PDB file of N, CA and C in Angstrom:
ATOM      1  N   MET A   1       4.600   0.236  -1.918  1.00  0.00           N
ATOM      2  CA  MET A   1       3.444   1.101  -1.739  1.00  0.00           C
ATOM      3  C   MET A   1       2.279   0.490  -0.820  1.00  0.00           C
ATOM      4  N   ALA A   2       1.997   1.308   0.202  1.00  0.00           N
ATOM      5  CA  ALA A   2       1.071   0.779   0.983  1.00  0.00           C
ATOM      6  C   ALA A   2      -0.414   0.667   0.289  1.00  0.00           C
ATOM      7  N   SER A   3      -1.358  -0.050   0.607  1.00  0.00           N
ATOM      8  CA  SER A   3      -2.502  -0.174  -0.026  1.00  0.00           C
ATOM      9  C   SER A   3      -3.493   0.953   0.498  1.00  0.00           C
ATOM     10  N   PHE A   4      -4.094   1.678  -0.563  1.00  0.00           N
ATOM     11  CA  PHE A   4      -4.700   2.755  -0.138  1.00  0.00           C
ATOM     12  C   PHE A   4      -6.189   2.449   0.489  1.00  0.00           C
ATOM     13  N   THR A   5      -6.738   1.327   0.011  1.00  0.00           N
ATOM     14  CA  THR A   5      -8.019   0.938   0.574  1.00  0.00           C
ATOM     15  C   THR A   5      -7.810   0.403   1.841  1.00  0.00           C
ATOM     16  N   ASP A   6      -6.674  -0.193   2.415  1.00  0.00           N
ATOM     17  CA  ASP A   6      -6.604  -0.643   3.835  1.00  0.00           C
ATOM     18  C   ASP A   6      -6.307   0.437   4.576  1.00  0.00           C
ATOM     19  N   ALA A   7      -5.592   1.637   4.093  1.00  0.00           N
ATOM     20  CA  ALA A   7      -5.200   2.882   4.926  1.00  0.00           C
ATOM     21  C   ALA A   7      -6.526   3.630   4.998  1.00  0.00           C
ATOM     22  N   TYR A   8      -7.495   3.726   4.064  1.00  0.00           N
ATOM     23  CA  TYR A   8      -8.718   4.462   4.375  1.00  0.00           C
ATOM     24  C   TYR A   8      -9.587   3.574   5.278  1.00  0.00           C
ATOM     25  N   ARG A   9      -9.539   2.283   5.402  1.00  0.00           N
ATOM     26  CA  ARG A   9     -10.353   1.477   6.231  1.00  0.00           C
ATOM     27  C   ARG A   9     -10.038   1.828   7.681  1.00  0.00           C
ATOM     28  N   GLN A  10      -8.321   2.030   7.805  1.00  0.00           N
ATOM     29  CA  GLN A  10      -7.905   2.125   9.168  1.00  0.00           C
ATOM     30  C   GLN A  10      -8.301   3.420   9.519  1.00  0.00           C
ATOM     31  N   ALA A  11      -8.548   4.452   8.720  1.00  0.00           N
ATOM     32  CA  ALA A  11      -8.524   5.905   9.126  1.00  0.00           C
ATOM     33  C   ALA A  11     -10.161   5.928   9.653  1.00  0.00           C
ATOM     34  N   GLY A  12     -11.028   5.119   8.905  1.00  0.00           N
ATOM     35  CA  GLY A  12     -12.504   5.157   9.429  1.00  0.00           C
ATOM     36  C   GLY A  12     -12.534   4.482  10.751  1.00  0.00           C
ATOM     37  N   ILE A  13     -11.818   3.529  11.120  1.00  0.00           N
ATOM     38  CA  ILE A  13     -11.715   2.938  12.469  1.00  0.00           C
ATOM     39  C   ILE A  13     -11.406   3.995  13.369  1.00  0.00           C
ATOM     40  N   TYR A  14     -10.149   4.796  13.134  1.00  0.00           N
ATOM     41  CA  TYR A  14      -9.683   5.628  14.061  1.00  0.00           C
ATOM     42  C   TYR A  14     -10.648   6.747  14.194  1.00  0.00           C
ATOM     43  N   ALA A  15     -11.374   7.242  13.054  1.00  0.00           N
ATOM     44  CA  ALA A  15     -12.347   8.031  13.331  1.00  0.00           C
ATOM     45  C   ALA A  15     -13.432   7.818  14.320  1.00  0.00           C
ATOM     46  N   GLY A  16     -13.812   6.406  13.975  1.00  0.00           N
ATOM     47  CA  GLY A  16     -14.961   5.984  14.751  1.00  0.00           C
ATOM     48  C   GLY A  16     -14.700   5.844  16.127  1.00  0.00           C
ATOM     49  N   ARG A  17     -13.411   5.568  16.568  1.00  0.00           N
ATOM     50  CA  ARG A  17     -13.129   5.588  17.736  1.00  0.00           C
ATOM     51  C   ARG A  17     -13.074   6.931  18.741  1.00  0.00           C
ATOM     52  N   ILE A  18     -12.465   7.692  17.824  1.00  0.00           N
ATOM     53  CA  ILE A  18     -12.472   9.150  18.216  1.00  0.00           C
ATOM     54  C   ILE A  18     -13.762   9.711  18.651  1.00  0.00           C
ATOM     55  N   LEU A  19     -14.716   9.370  17.611  1.00  0.00           N
ATOM     56  CA  LEU A  19     -16.081   9.835  17.822  1.00  0.00           C
ATOM     57  C   LEU A  19     -17.052   9.335  18.983  1.00  0.00           C
ATOM     58  N   LYS A  20     -16.440   8.104  19.387  1.00  0.00           N
ATOM     59  CA  LYS A  20     -16.958   7.286  20.460  1.00  0.00           C
ATOM     60  C   LYS A  20     -16.494   7.787  21.859  1.00  0.00           C
ATOM     61  N   GLY A  21     -15.299   8.566  21.787  1.00  0.00           N
ATOM     62  CA  GLY A  21     -14.759   9.184  23.025  1.00  0.00           C
ATOM     63  C   GLY A  21     -13.381   8.862  23.277  1.00  0.00           C
ATOM     64  N   ALA A  22     -12.867   8.025  22.582  1.00  0.00           N
ATOM     65  CA  ALA A  22     -11.414   7.587  22.712  1.00  0.00           C
ATOM     66  C   ALA A  22     -10.452   8.932  22.510  1.00  0.00           C
ATOM     67  N   LYS A  23      -9.520   9.076  23.513  1.00  0.00           N
ATOM     68  CA  LYS A  23      -8.550  10.082  23.089  1.00  0.00           C
ATOM     69  C   LYS A  23      -7.370   9.644  22.068  1.00  0.00           C
ATOM     70  N   PRO A  24      -7.287  10.653  21.121  1.00  0.00           N
ATOM     71  CA  PRO A  24      -6.281  10.254  20.092  1.00  0.00           C
ATOM     72  C   PRO A  24      -4.863   9.777  20.618  1.00  0.00           C
ATOM     73  N   SER A  25      -4.573  10.256  21.677  1.00  0.00           N
ATOM     74  CA  SER A  25      -3.186  10.027  22.340  1.00  0.00           C
ATOM     75  C   SER A  25      -3.226   8.384  22.796  1.00  0.00           C
ATOM     76  N   GLU A  26      -4.575   8.010  22.931  1.00  0.00           N
ATOM     77  CA  GLU A  26      -4.739   6.470  23.396  1.00  0.00           C
ATOM     78  C   GLU A  26      -4.698   5.453  22.174  1.00  0.00           C
ATOM     79  N   LEU A  27      -4.822   5.899  21.246  1.00  0.00           N
ATOM     80  CA  LEU A  27      -5.014   4.939  20.143  1.00  0.00           C
ATOM     81  C   LEU A  27      -3.591   4.522  19.617  1.00  0.00           C
ATOM     82  N   PRO A  28      -3.649   3.225  19.270  1.00  0.00           N
ATOM     83  CA  PRO A  28      -2.120   2.728  18.855  1.00  0.00           C
ATOM     84  C   PRO A  28      -1.752   3.162  17.462  1.00  0.00           C
ATOM     85  N   VAL A  29      -0.438   3.204  17.389  1.00  0.00           N
ATOM     86  CA  VAL A  29       0.026   3.462  15.986  1.00  0.00           C
ATOM     87  C   VAL A  29       0.158   2.199  15.218  1.00  0.00           C
ATOM     88  N   LEU A  30      -0.488   2.325  14.192  1.00  0.00           N
ATOM     89  CA  LEU A  30      -0.317   1.079  13.293  1.00  0.00           C
ATOM     90  C   LEU A  30       0.368   1.255  12.062  1.00  0.00           C
ATOM     91  N   GLN A  31       1.067  -0.066  11.503  1.00  0.00           N
ATOM     92  CA  GLN A  31       1.866   0.104  10.430  1.00  0.00           C
ATOM     93  C   GLN A  31       0.890  -0.629   9.167  1.00  0.00           C
ATOM     94  N   PRO A  32       1.122  -0.111   7.993  1.00  0.00           N
ATOM     95  CA  PRO A  32       0.604  -0.891   6.895  1.00  0.00           C
ATOM     96  C   PRO A  32       1.066  -2.403   7.019  1.00  0.00           C
ATOM     97  N   THR A  33       0.063  -3.192   6.766  1.00  0.00           N
ATOM     98  CA  THR A  33       0.289  -4.728   6.571  1.00  0.00           C
ATOM     99  C   THR A  33       0.180  -5.093   5.282  1.00  0.00           C
ATOM    100  N   LYS A  34      -0.611  -4.452   4.383  1.00  0.00           N
ATOM    101  CA  LYS A  34      -0.729  -4.760   2.822  1.00  0.00           C
ATOM    102  C   LYS A  34       0.114  -3.738   2.011  1.00  0.00           C
ATOM    103  N   PHE A  35       0.730  -4.237   1.047  1.00  0.00           N
ATOM    104  CA  PHE A  35       1.582  -3.321   0.043  1.00  0.00           C
ATOM    105  C   PHE A  35       1.151  -3.843  -1.347  1.00  0.00           C
ATOM    106  N   GLU A  36       1.251  -2.754  -2.200  1.00  0.00           N
ATOM    107  CA  GLU A  36       0.944  -2.931  -3.497  1.00  0.00           C
ATOM    108  C   GLU A  36       2.323  -2.853  -4.433  1.00  0.00           C
ATOM    109  N   LEU A  37       2.439  -3.984  -5.329  1.00  0.00           N
ATOM    110  CA  LEU A  37       3.525  -3.926  -6.040  1.00  0.00           C
ATOM    111  C   LEU A  37       3.193  -3.452  -7.383  1.00  0.00           C
ATOM    112  N   ILE A  38       3.971  -2.377  -8.022  1.00  0.00           N
ATOM    113  CA  ILE A  38       3.569  -1.816  -9.359  1.00  0.00           C
ATOM    114  C   ILE A  38       4.836  -1.807 -10.042  1.00  0.00           C
ATOM    115  N   VAL A  39       4.908  -2.463 -11.279  1.00  0.00           N
ATOM    116  CA  VAL A  39       6.205  -2.506 -12.126  1.00  0.00           C
ATOM    117  C   VAL A  39       5.820  -1.764 -13.266  1.00  0.00           C
ATOM    118  N   ASN A  40       6.754  -0.931 -13.597  1.00  0.00           N
ATOM    119  CA  ASN A  40       6.898  -0.024 -14.883  1.00  0.00           C
ATOM    120  C   ASN A  40       7.822  -0.599 -15.863  1.00  0.00           C
ATOM    121  N   LEU A  41       7.388  -1.218 -16.834  1.00  0.00           N
ATOM    122  CA  LEU A  41       8.245  -2.161 -17.667  1.00  0.00           C
ATOM    123  C   LEU A  41       9.035  -1.062 -18.518  1.00  0.00           C
ATOM    124  N   LYS A  42       8.293   0.100 -19.238  1.00  0.00           N
ATOM    125  CA  LYS A  42       8.860   0.923 -20.026  1.00  0.00           C
ATOM    126  C   LYS A  42      10.109   1.620 -19.330  1.00  0.00           C
ATOM    127  N   THR A  43      10.182   1.868 -18.041  1.00  0.00           N
ATOM    128  CA  THR A  43      11.003   2.501 -17.150  1.00  0.00           C
ATOM    129  C   THR A  43      12.179   1.387 -16.911  1.00  0.00           C
ATOM    130  N   ALA A  44      11.840   0.272 -16.786  1.00  0.00           N
ATOM    131  CA  ALA A  44      12.854  -0.747 -16.501  1.00  0.00           C
ATOM    132  C   ALA A  44      13.627  -0.818 -17.765  1.00  0.00           C
ATOM    133  N   LYS A  45      12.996  -0.936 -18.853  1.00  0.00           N
ATOM    134  CA  LYS A  45      13.762  -1.100 -20.121  1.00  0.00           C
ATOM    135  C   LYS A  45      14.671  -0.009 -20.427  1.00  0.00           C
ATOM    136  N   ALA A  46      14.339   1.248 -20.012  1.00  0.00           N
ATOM    137  CA  ALA A  46      14.915   2.541 -20.416  1.00  0.00           C
ATOM    138  C   ALA A  46      16.157   2.472 -19.467  1.00  0.00           C
ATOM    139  N   LEU A  47      16.205   1.795 -18.204  1.00  0.00           N
ATOM    140  CA  LEU A  47      17.213   1.726 -17.253  1.00  0.00           C
ATOM    141  C   LEU A  47      18.088   0.455 -17.682  1.00  0.00           C
ATOM    142  N   GLY A  48      17.716  -0.233 -18.608  1.00  0.00           N
ATOM    143  CA  GLY A  48      18.384  -1.504 -18.792  1.00  0.00           C
ATOM    144  C   GLY A  48      18.337  -2.564 -17.830  1.00  0.00           C
ATOM    145  N   LEU A  49      17.156  -2.791 -17.259  1.00  0.00           N
ATOM    146  CA  LEU A  49      16.750  -3.770 -15.993  1.00  0.00           C
ATOM    147  C   LEU A  49      16.144  -4.795 -16.655  1.00  0.00           C
ATOM    148  N   ASP A  50      16.227  -5.913 -16.379  1.00  0.00           N
ATOM    149  CA  ASP A  50      15.505  -7.185 -16.752  1.00  0.00           C
ATOM    150  C   ASP A  50      14.528  -7.462 -15.512  1.00  0.00           C
ATOM    151  N   VAL A  51      13.354  -7.481 -15.768  1.00  0.00           N
ATOM    152  CA  VAL A  51      12.366  -7.903 -14.691  1.00  0.00           C
ATOM    153  C   VAL A  51      12.099  -9.430 -14.701  1.00  0.00           C
ATOM    154  N   PRO A  52      12.323 -10.018 -13.813  1.00  0.00           N
ATOM    155  CA  PRO A  52      12.027 -11.577 -13.834  1.00  0.00           C
ATOM    156  C   PRO A  52      10.441 -11.844 -13.834  1.00  0.00           C
ATOM    157  N   PRO A  53      10.088 -12.952 -14.581  1.00  0.00           N
ATOM    158  CA  PRO A  53       8.720 -13.277 -14.774  1.00  0.00           C
ATOM    159  C   PRO A  53       7.892 -13.495 -13.324  1.00  0.00           C
ATOM    160  N   ALA A  54       8.806 -14.125 -12.406  1.00  0.00           N
ATOM    161  CA  ALA A  54       8.276 -14.194 -11.103  1.00  0.00           C
ATOM    162  C   ALA A  54       7.681 -12.871 -10.434  1.00  0.00           C
ATOM    163  N   LEU A  55       8.529 -11.950 -10.625  1.00  0.00           N
ATOM    164  CA  LEU A  55       8.105 -10.565 -10.202  1.00  0.00           C
ATOM    165  C   LEU A  55       6.952  -9.968 -10.692  1.00  0.00           C
ATOM    166  N   LEU A  56       6.814 -10.201 -11.940  1.00  0.00           N
ATOM    167  CA  LEU A  56       5.638  -9.574 -12.844  1.00  0.00           C
ATOM    168  C   LEU A  56       4.488 -10.428 -12.367  1.00  0.00           C
ATOM    169  N   ALA A  57       4.545 -11.719 -12.152  1.00  0.00           N
ATOM    170  CA  ALA A  57       3.400 -12.522 -11.667  1.00  0.00           C
ATOM    171  C   ALA A  57       2.918 -12.004 -10.406  1.00  0.00           C
ATOM    172  N   ARG A  58       3.668 -11.437  -9.348  1.00  0.00           N
ATOM    173  CA  ARG A  58       3.294 -11.048  -8.190  1.00  0.00           C
ATOM    174  C   ARG A  58       2.846  -9.615  -8.018  1.00  0.00           C
ATOM    175  N   ALA A  59       2.962  -8.821  -9.207  1.00  0.00           N
ATOM    176  CA  ALA A  59       2.612  -7.501  -9.329  1.00  0.00           C
ATOM    177  C   ALA A  59       1.176  -7.183  -9.281  1.00  0.00           C
ATOM    178  N   VAL A  60       0.614  -6.276  -8.707  1.00  0.00           N
ATOM    179  CA  VAL A  60      -0.680  -5.910  -8.608  1.00  0.00           C
ATOM    180  C   VAL A  60      -1.108  -5.264 -10.077  1.00  0.00           C
ATOM    181  N   GLU A  61      -0.216  -4.344 -10.482  1.00  0.00           N
ATOM    182  CA  GLU A  61      -0.328  -3.686 -11.924  1.00  0.00           C
ATOM    183  C   GLU A  61       1.086  -3.583 -12.533  1.00  0.00           C
ATOM    184  N   VAL A  62       0.994  -3.907 -13.772  1.00  0.00           N
ATOM    185  CA  VAL A  62       2.027  -3.844 -14.628  1.00  0.00           C
ATOM    186  C   VAL A  62       1.975  -2.803 -15.807  1.00  0.00           C
ATOM    187  N   ILE A  63       2.666  -1.835 -15.813  1.00  0.00           N
ATOM    188  CA  ILE A  63       2.627  -0.514 -16.660  1.00  0.00           C
ATOM    189  C   ILE A  63       3.511  -0.969 -17.917  1.00  0.00           C
ATOM    190  N   GLU A  64       3.044  -0.960 -19.088  1.00  0.00           N
ATOM    191  CA  GLU A  64       3.884  -1.324 -20.252  1.00  0.00           C
ATOM    192  C   GLU A  64       4.223  -0.079 -20.947  1.00  0.00           C
TER     193      GLU A  64
END
């Protein structure tokens, strides 16, 4: 999942450029650079999946 805060920041930058007179067709298309990892342990257990501790350590949010 892409970071919502980063997406909102980029939207603000685009809006500012358009308000300053840039044509929307001239603006570059940007891809997200930040992603959030959210792990749902309850669903993983229901599916019979084992989530490695290293993956849990990198998760932004762990749902139990």
